[in-house]
Each structure stands twice: as structure tokens, then as C-alpha cells.
C-alpha atoms as a PDB file:
ATOM      1  CA  MET A   1     -12.873  24.053 -12.167  1.00  0.00           C
ATOM      2  CA  ARG A   2     -15.326  22.562 -15.049  1.00  0.00           C
ATOM      3  CA  ALA A   3     -14.431  25.739 -17.500  1.00  0.00           C
ATOM      4  CA  ALA A   4     -10.510  25.726 -16.524  1.00  0.00           C
ATOM      5  CA  ALA A   5     -10.722  21.724 -16.904  1.00  0.00           C
ATOM      6  CA  GLN A   6     -12.806  22.153 -20.460  1.00  0.00           C
ATOM      7  CA  THR A   7     -10.029  24.711 -21.739  1.00  0.00           C
ATOM      8  CA  GLY A   8      -7.318  22.077 -20.867  1.00  0.00           C
ATOM      9  CA  ASP A   9      -5.869  22.446 -17.520  1.00  0.00           C
ATOM     10  CA  PRO A  10      -4.799  19.006 -16.702  1.00  0.00           C
ATOM     11  CA  GLN A  11      -5.052  19.855 -12.857  1.00  0.00           C
ATOM     12  CA  ALA A  12      -8.689  20.917 -13.102  1.00  0.00           C
ATOM     13  CA  GLN A  13      -9.499  17.715 -15.423  1.00  0.00           C
ATOM     14  CA  PHE A  14      -7.864  15.549 -12.882  1.00  0.00           C
ATOM     15  CA  GLN A  15      -9.998  17.352  -9.864  1.00  0.00           C
ATOM     16  CA  LEU A  16     -13.216  16.900 -12.308  1.00  0.00           C
ATOM     17  CA  GLY A  17     -12.241  13.222 -12.649  1.00  0.00           C
ATOM     18  CA  VAL A  18     -12.037  13.086  -9.002  1.00  0.00           C
ATOM     19  CA  SER A  19     -15.441  14.699  -8.355  1.00  0.00           C
ATOM     20  CA  TYR A  20     -17.076  12.277 -11.062  1.00  0.00           C
ATOM     21  CA  GLN A  21     -15.574   8.947  -9.379  1.00  0.00           C
ATOM     22  CA  ASN A  22     -16.408  10.295  -5.844  1.00  0.00           C
ATOM     23  CA  GLY A  23     -19.767  11.568  -6.708  1.00  0.00           C
ATOM     24  CA  GLN A  24     -18.695  14.937  -5.282  1.00  0.00           C
ATOM     25  CA  ASN A  25     -21.094  17.891  -6.270  1.00  0.00           C
ATOM     26  CA  VAL A  26     -21.700  15.846  -9.597  1.00  0.00           C
ATOM     27  CA  PRO A  27     -23.841  12.591 -10.338  1.00  0.00           C
ATOM     28  CA  GLN A  28     -21.084   9.564  -9.702  1.00  0.00           C
ATOM     29  CA  ASP A  29     -20.033   8.649 -13.082  1.00  0.00           C
ATOM     30  CA  TYR A  30     -17.267   6.333 -13.607  1.00  0.00           C
ATOM     31  CA  VAL A  31     -17.102   6.550 -17.303  1.00  0.00           C
ATOM     32  CA  GLU A  32     -16.787  10.485 -17.011  1.00  0.00           C
ATOM     33  CA  ALA A  33     -14.559  10.294 -14.359  1.00  0.00           C
ATOM     34  CA  VAL A  34     -12.375   8.191 -16.937  1.00  0.00           C
ATOM     35  CA  LYS A  35     -12.661  10.657 -19.880  1.00  0.00           C
ATOM     36  CA  TRP A  36     -11.298  13.548 -17.409  1.00  0.00           C
ATOM     37  CA  PHE A  37      -8.575  11.237 -16.004  1.00  0.00           C
ATOM     38  CA  LYS A  38      -7.565  10.124 -19.613  1.00  0.00           C
ATOM     39  CA  ARG A  39      -7.483  13.989 -20.873  1.00  0.00           C
ATOM     40  CA  ALA A  40      -5.124  15.002 -17.864  1.00  0.00           C
ATOM     41  CA  ALA A  41      -2.997  11.782 -18.318  1.00  0.00           C
ATOM     42  CA  GLU A  42      -2.180  12.849 -21.696  1.00  0.00           C
ATOM     43  CA  GLN A  43      -0.907  15.892 -20.595  1.00  0.00           C
ATOM     44  CA  ASN A  44       1.462  14.215 -18.239  1.00  0.00           C
ATOM     45  CA  ASP A  45      -0.476  14.723 -14.780  1.00  0.00           C
ATOM     46  CA  GLU A  46       1.280  11.759 -12.639  1.00  0.00           C
ATOM     47  CA  LEU A  47      -1.924  11.724 -10.499  1.00  0.00           C
ATOM     48  CA  ALA A  48      -4.411  11.567 -13.172  1.00  0.00           C
ATOM     49  CA  GLN A  49      -2.009   8.885 -14.780  1.00  0.00           C
ATOM     50  CA  CYS A  50      -2.325   6.768 -11.512  1.00  0.00           C
ATOM     51  CA  TYR A  51      -5.797   7.019 -11.325  1.00  0.00           C
ATOM     52  CA  LEU A  52      -6.241   6.005 -14.691  1.00  0.00           C
ATOM     53  CA  GLY A  53      -4.216   3.110 -14.507  1.00  0.00           C
ATOM     54  CA  VAL A  54      -6.216   2.008 -11.306  1.00  0.00           C
ATOM     55  CA  CYS A  55      -9.485   2.611 -13.214  1.00  0.00           C
ATOM     56  CA  TYR A  56      -8.014  -0.065 -16.153  1.00  0.00           C
ATOM     57  CA  TRP A  57      -7.123  -2.289 -13.240  1.00  0.00           C
ATOM     58  CA  MET A  58     -10.214  -2.542 -11.588  1.00  0.00           C
ATOM     59  CA  GLY A  59     -12.482  -2.115 -14.752  1.00  0.00           C
ATOM     60  CA  GLN A  60     -13.997   0.988 -12.931  1.00  0.00           C
ATOM     61  CA  GLY A  61     -15.701   3.253 -16.215  1.00  0.00           C
ATOM     62  CA  VAL A  62     -13.597   1.067 -18.473  1.00  0.00           C
ATOM     63  CA  PRO A  63     -13.164  -2.910 -19.359  1.00  0.00           C
ATOM     64  CA  GLN A  64     -10.834  -4.250 -17.315  1.00  0.00           C
ATOM     65  CA  GLU A  65      -7.394  -4.275 -19.033  1.00  0.00           C
ATOM     66  CA  PHE A  66      -4.502  -5.181 -17.028  1.00  0.00           C
ATOM     67  CA  GLY A  67      -1.985  -3.959 -19.883  1.00  0.00           C
ATOM     68  CA  GLU A  68      -3.584  -0.540 -20.015  1.00  0.00           C
ATOM     69  CA  ALA A  69      -3.150  -0.448 -16.205  1.00  0.00           C
ATOM     70  CA  ALA A  70       0.370  -1.000 -16.126  1.00  0.00           C
ATOM     71  CA  LYS A  71       1.167   1.395 -19.045  1.00  0.00           C
ATOM     72  CA  TRP A  72      -0.542   4.484 -17.074  1.00  0.00           C
ATOM     73  CA  LEU A  73       0.707   3.192 -13.726  1.00  0.00           C
ATOM     74  CA  ARG A  74       4.613   3.093 -15.181  1.00  0.00           C
ATOM     75  CA  GLU A  75       3.941   6.747 -16.684  1.00  0.00           C
ATOM     76  CA  ALA A  76       3.054   7.909 -13.061  1.00  0.00           C
ATOM     77  CA  ALA A  77       5.685   5.834 -11.358  1.00  0.00           C
ATOM     78  CA  GLU A  78       8.305   7.077 -13.512  1.00  0.00           C
ATOM     79  CA  GLN A  79       7.454  10.629 -12.504  1.00  0.00           C
ATOM     80  CA  GLY A  80       7.951   9.642  -8.986  1.00  0.00           C
ATOM     81  CA  ASP A  81       3.961   9.041  -7.858  1.00  0.00           C
ATOM     82  CA  PRO A  82       4.466   6.859  -4.828  1.00  0.00           C
ATOM     83  CA  ALA A  83       0.918   5.517  -4.933  1.00  0.00           C
ATOM     84  CA  ALA A  84       1.510   4.466  -8.985  1.00  0.00           C
ATOM     85  CA  GLN A  85       5.001   3.035  -7.840  1.00  0.00           C
ATOM     86  CA  PHE A  86       3.409   0.769  -5.154  1.00  0.00           C
ATOM     87  CA  ASN A  87       0.718  -0.410  -7.646  1.00  0.00           C
ATOM     88  CA  LEU A  88       3.238  -1.208 -10.496  1.00  0.00           C
ATOM     89  CA  GLY A  89       4.804  -3.276  -8.138  1.00  0.00           C
ATOM     90  CA  THR A  90       2.036  -5.026  -7.218  1.00  0.00           C
ATOM     91  CA  LEU A  91       1.286  -5.607 -10.923  1.00  0.00           C
ATOM     92  CA  TYR A  92       4.922  -7.131 -11.111  1.00  0.00           C
ATOM     93  CA  GLU A  93       4.489  -9.275  -7.940  1.00  0.00           C
ATOM     94  CA  THR A  94       1.234 -10.788  -9.551  1.00  0.00           C
ATOM     95  CA  GLY A  95       1.986 -10.927 -12.882  1.00  0.00           C
ATOM     96  CA  GLN A  96      -0.896  -8.790 -14.066  1.00  0.00           C
ATOM     97  CA  GLY A  97      -0.370  -6.976 -17.334  1.00  0.00           C
ATOM     98  CA  VAL A  98       3.376  -7.142 -17.056  1.00  0.00           C
ATOM     99  CA  PRO A  99       5.777 -10.538 -16.371  1.00  0.00           C
ATOM    100  CA  LEU A 100       5.650 -11.625 -13.279  1.00  0.00           C
ATOM    101  CA  ASN A 101       9.017 -10.208 -11.918  1.00  0.00           C
ATOM    102  CA  LEU A 102       9.778 -10.073  -8.058  1.00  0.00           C
ATOM    103  CA  ALA A 103      12.949  -8.276  -8.380  1.00  0.00           C
ATOM    104  CA  GLU A 104      11.138  -5.580 -10.467  1.00  0.00           C
ATOM    105  CA  ALA A 105       8.391  -5.898  -7.933  1.00  0.00           C
ATOM    106  CA  ILE A 106      10.896  -4.866  -5.165  1.00  0.00           C
ATOM    107  CA  LYS A 107      12.284  -2.155  -7.231  1.00  0.00           C
ATOM    108  CA  TRP A 108       9.079  -0.215  -7.244  1.00  0.00           C
ATOM    109  CA  TYR A 109       8.367  -1.045  -3.534  1.00  0.00           C
ATOM    110  CA  ARG A 110      11.544   0.448  -2.586  1.00  0.00           C
ATOM    111  CA  GLU A 111      10.887   3.794  -4.593  1.00  0.00           C
ATOM    112  CA  SER A 112       7.583   4.039  -3.261  1.00  0.00           C
ATOM    113  CA  ALA A 113       8.736   3.179   0.196  1.00  0.00           C
ATOM    114  CA  ASN A 114      11.407   5.889  -0.081  1.00  0.00           C
ATOM    115  CA  ARG A 115       8.732   8.131  -0.440  1.00  0.00           C
ATOM    116  CA  GLY A 116       6.686   7.221   2.445  1.00  0.00           C
ATOM    117  CA  TYR A 117       4.170   4.979   0.988  1.00  0.00           C
ATOM    118  CA  PRO A 118       3.326   2.906   3.686  1.00  0.00           C
ATOM    119  CA  ALA A 119       1.911  -0.031   1.966  1.00  0.00           C
ATOM    120  CA  ALA A 120       5.193  -0.206   0.020  1.00  0.00           C
ATOM    121  CA  GLN A 121       7.094  -0.108   3.275  1.00  0.00           C
ATOM    122  CA  PHE A 122       5.092  -3.227   4.624  1.00  0.00           C
ATOM    123  CA  ASN A 123       5.655  -5.200   1.388  1.00  0.00           C
ATOM    124  CA  LEU A 124       9.417  -4.332   1.242  1.00  0.00           C
ATOM    125  CA  GLY A 125       9.564  -5.610   4.990  1.00  0.00           C
ATOM    126  CA  VAL A 126       7.934  -8.708   4.105  1.00  0.00           C
ATOM    127  CA  PHE A 127      10.356  -9.406   1.537  1.00  0.00           C
ATOM    128  CA  PHE A 128      13.105  -8.687   3.815  1.00  0.00           C
ATOM    129  CA  GLU A 129      11.337 -10.866   6.619  1.00  0.00           C
ATOM    130  CA  THR A 130      10.788 -13.894   4.340  1.00  0.00           C
ATOM    131  CA  GLY A 131      14.208 -13.558   2.197  1.00  0.00           C
ATOM    132  CA  GLN A 132      12.536 -13.908  -0.882  1.00  0.00           C
ATOM    133  CA  VAL A 133      14.384 -12.403  -3.935  1.00  0.00           C
ATOM    134  CA  VAL A 134      16.388 -10.233  -1.442  1.00  0.00           C
ATOM    135  CA  GLN A 135      18.940 -11.624   1.283  1.00  0.00           C
ATOM    136  CA  GLN A 136      16.956 -12.198   4.443  1.00  0.00           C
ATOM    137  CA  ASP A 137      17.524  -9.254   6.893  1.00  0.00           C
ATOM    138  CA  PHE A 138      15.454  -9.091   9.944  1.00  0.00           C
ATOM    139  CA  LYS A 139      16.800  -5.681  11.185  1.00  0.00           C
ATOM    140  CA  SER A 140      15.766  -4.242   7.615  1.00  0.00           C
ATOM    141  CA  ALA A 141      12.338  -5.676   7.970  1.00  0.00           C
ATOM    142  CA  VAL A 142      11.979  -3.739  11.346  1.00  0.00           C
ATOM    143  CA  LYS A 143      12.912  -0.887   9.727  1.00  0.00           C
ATOM    144  CA  TRP A 144      10.501  -0.879   7.101  1.00  0.00           C
ATOM    145  CA  TYR A 145       7.495  -2.502   9.236  1.00  0.00           C
ATOM    146  CA  LEU A 146       8.021   0.338  11.831  1.00  0.00           C
ATOM    147  CA  ALA A 147       8.063   3.107   9.096  1.00  0.00           C
ATOM    148  CA  ALA A 148       4.557   1.714   8.101  1.00  0.00           C
ATOM    149  CA  ALA A 149       3.501   1.033  11.616  1.00  0.00           C
ATOM    150  CA  GLU A 150       3.920   4.694  12.716  1.00  0.00           C
ATOM    151  CA  GLN A 151       1.442   5.326   9.830  1.00  0.00           C
ATOM    152  CA  GLU A 152      -1.002   3.152  11.177  1.00  0.00           C
ATOM    153  CA  LEU A 153      -0.960   0.161   8.780  1.00  0.00           C
ATOM    154  CA  ALA A 154      -2.325  -2.465  11.119  1.00  0.00           C
ATOM    155  CA  ASP A 155      -0.586  -5.298   9.171  1.00  0.00           C
ATOM    156  CA  ALA A 156       2.773  -3.707   9.570  1.00  0.00           C
ATOM    157  CA  GLN A 157       1.757  -2.845  13.760  1.00  0.00           C
ATOM    158  CA  CYS A 158       1.123  -6.921  13.832  1.00  0.00           C
ATOM    159  CA  ASN A 159       4.252  -7.686  12.034  1.00  0.00           C
ATOM    160  CA  LEU A 160       6.271  -5.569  14.124  1.00  0.00           C
ATOM    161  CA  GLY A 161       4.889  -6.901  17.263  1.00  0.00           C
ATOM    162  CA  LEU A 162       5.669 -10.422  16.248  1.00  0.00           C
ATOM    163  CA  CYS A 163       9.179  -9.191  15.861  1.00  0.00           C
ATOM    164  CA  TYR A 164       9.603  -8.046  19.157  1.00  0.00           C
ATOM    165  CA  GLN A 165       7.785 -11.276  20.158  1.00  0.00           C
ATOM    166  CA  THR A 166      10.190 -13.506  18.804  1.00  0.00           C
ATOM    167  CA  GLY A 167      12.973 -11.356  18.814  1.00  0.00           C
ATOM    168  CA  ARG A 168      13.564 -11.052  14.950  1.00  0.00           C
ATOM    169  CA  GLY A 169      15.456  -7.729  14.155  1.00  0.00           C
ATOM    170  CA  VAL A 170      15.062  -6.264  17.724  1.00  0.00           C
ATOM    171  CA  PRO A 171      15.912  -7.388  21.361  1.00  0.00           C
ATOM    172  CA  LYS A 172      12.777  -9.724  22.199  1.00  0.00           C
ATOM    173  CA  ASP A 173      10.665  -6.989  24.214  1.00  0.00           C
ATOM    174  CA  SER A 174       7.086  -8.481  25.078  1.00  0.00           C
ATOM    175  CA  GLY A 175       6.231  -4.985  26.350  1.00  0.00           C
ATOM    176  CA  GLN A 176       6.558  -3.706  22.703  1.00  0.00           C
ATOM    177  CA  ALA A 177       5.261  -6.795  21.232  1.00  0.00           C
ATOM    178  CA  VAL A 178       1.862  -6.087  23.155  1.00  0.00           C
ATOM    179  CA  LYS A 179       1.986  -2.280  22.378  1.00  0.00           C
ATOM    180  CA  TRP A 180       1.969  -2.904  18.472  1.00  0.00           C
ATOM    181  CA  PHE A 181      -0.551  -5.992  18.974  1.00  0.00           C
ATOM    182  CA  ILE A 182      -3.124  -3.582  20.466  1.00  0.00           C
ATOM    183  CA  LYS A 183      -2.723  -1.019  17.700  1.00  0.00           C
ATOM    184  CA  ALA A 184      -3.230  -3.588  15.265  1.00  0.00           C
ATOM    185  CA  ALA A 185      -5.975  -5.054  16.902  1.00  0.00           C
ATOM    186  CA  ARG A 186      -7.873  -1.822  17.839  1.00  0.00           C
ATOM    187  CA  GLN A 187      -8.025  -1.665  13.781  1.00  0.00           C
ATOM    188  CA  GLY A 188      -9.447  -5.028  13.669  1.00  0.00           C
ATOM    189  CA  ASN A 189      -6.432  -7.265  12.881  1.00  0.00           C
ATOM    190  CA  LYS A 190      -7.372 -10.382  13.527  1.00  0.00           C
ATOM    191  CA  THR A 191      -3.662 -11.873  13.902  1.00  0.00           C
ATOM    192  CA  ALA A 192      -3.212  -9.172  16.236  1.00  0.00           C
ATOM    193  CA  GLN A 193      -6.124  -9.876  18.089  1.00  0.00           C
ATOM    194  CA  HIS A 194      -5.254 -13.829  18.169  1.00  0.00           C
ATOM    195  CA  ASN A 195      -1.901 -12.912  19.745  1.00  0.00           C
ATOM    196  CA  LEU A 196      -3.033 -10.468  22.109  1.00  0.00           C
ATOM    197  CA  GLY A 197      -5.419 -13.425  23.612  1.00  0.00           C
ATOM    198  CA  LEU A 198      -2.654 -15.660  23.756  1.00  0.00           C
ATOM    199  CA  HIS A 199      -0.597 -13.290  25.234  1.00  0.00           C
ATOM    200  CA  TYR A 200      -2.872 -12.743  28.113  1.00  0.00           C
ATOM    201  CA  ALA A 201      -3.944 -16.217  28.328  1.00  0.00           C
ATOM    202  CA  ALA A 202      -0.191 -17.007  29.246  1.00  0.00           C
ATOM    203  CA  GLU A 203       0.165 -14.322  31.480  1.00  0.00           C
ATOM    204  CA  GLU A 204      -2.989 -15.665  33.240  1.00  0.00           C
ATOM    205  CA  ASN A 205      -1.526 -19.123  33.437  1.00  0.00           C
ATOM    206  CA  ALA A 206       1.798 -18.137  34.657  1.00  0.00           C
ATOM    207  CA  GLN A 207      -0.077 -15.856  37.779  1.00  0.00           C
ATOM    208  CA  ASN A 208      -2.189 -18.945  38.339  1.00  0.00           C
ATOM    209  CA  GLN A 209       1.072 -21.124  38.742  1.00  0.00           C
ATOM    210  CA  GLU A 210       2.427 -18.518  41.361  1.00  0.00           C
ATOM    211  CA  VAL A 211      -0.397 -18.603  43.693  1.00  0.00           C
END
């Protein structure tokens, strides 16, 4: 792999960068990782561009620089990389390296969500549920929460459970609510654990009143 990377193969350069980032078969070295990510990114490798953007975002192996993060994430996002699209959306939502622009954030979350990226699907669901920038649409919120929940994203599972509990975007269904709360709670989601506790306490209270 190193030989291929040194002769200019961008995929080998990217993989070598990952090896240095994770300390796989080489000593962990973030600066060396960035060196190889940059070589591949400059040859238009979208995965390398995404990783390089995140390195600048996090200040890993390079000084933290949000403008450079946005530059490289945009390069990858425009090539269709869903992780880069999600990360670029996050930069627009937070105003890091780019002007704060929620409409642009939603645009990139939607691109990423349509490619199956669960975190983007969840964020898109939140925008539809709250009606921020987009028209409030509980059914669309449920659609995106479900897509992310089925990929085991705990926050989405919890929010989907809340939708079933309150009847937002779906018919009220306590059984479905509990099902999704349990899935989220098993992953350590505190809100789901709390909601499950309330559900079981209410159930126990109802049973006691019947006795």
C-alpha cells in the first residue's frame, strides 16, 4: 500500500492516511495521516477530502481551521459523499467556516439523508418536527426518524417513540412507542430510559387502581 501511495495512487494514499489516523500497522500519527489525506484529496478523492475536512474541523494533525474544513467538505459533498454532505450541513447549521444558513444546512442534510446517512435523516426529521425553516410536517418527520431508527440511531428511535406516544405524524400507539423507547434505552439514551420509566410507572399505577 505504501509503495502504491508513494507512486501517486489516491486510494492507496487515503488508506495509508486512515492507517496513520487509527494506528493500524503503523504508529498513530495524525500529522502523517493529514499528509496522505491531502495528497489524495488534491487528486479529487472524495473520501480523502471528507477526512481532511474533518481533520481541519477537529484540529487533528493540523491547526483547527473551519474555513479549510468547509472547503474540503464541500469538495467531497459536491461529489456525493454522504458523510461530507452531513458535515457540511452541520457547519452551515452552526456557522463554522461558513455563514450560518439553516436553509443551506437543510439542503445538505437532505442530500445526505437521501443517500441513507442516518445522522442526516435524524436532523432532517427534527427540522420537519419543529417547523424550523421548512413547513412543519409531522409525517415527514416520522419518515426520516424511521429511516434513521432502522439504522439503530438511538436519538431517532427515541424521537420516533415520542411521535407514537403523542400521535404526531402517526396514529397514537403506546406499544410502538415502548418498542422504540426500549431500542433507544438499550443504547443508553437517557430520554428513552426516562420515558420508559414513566410509562411503566403509569401502567403500574393504573393496575393498582383497578385492584
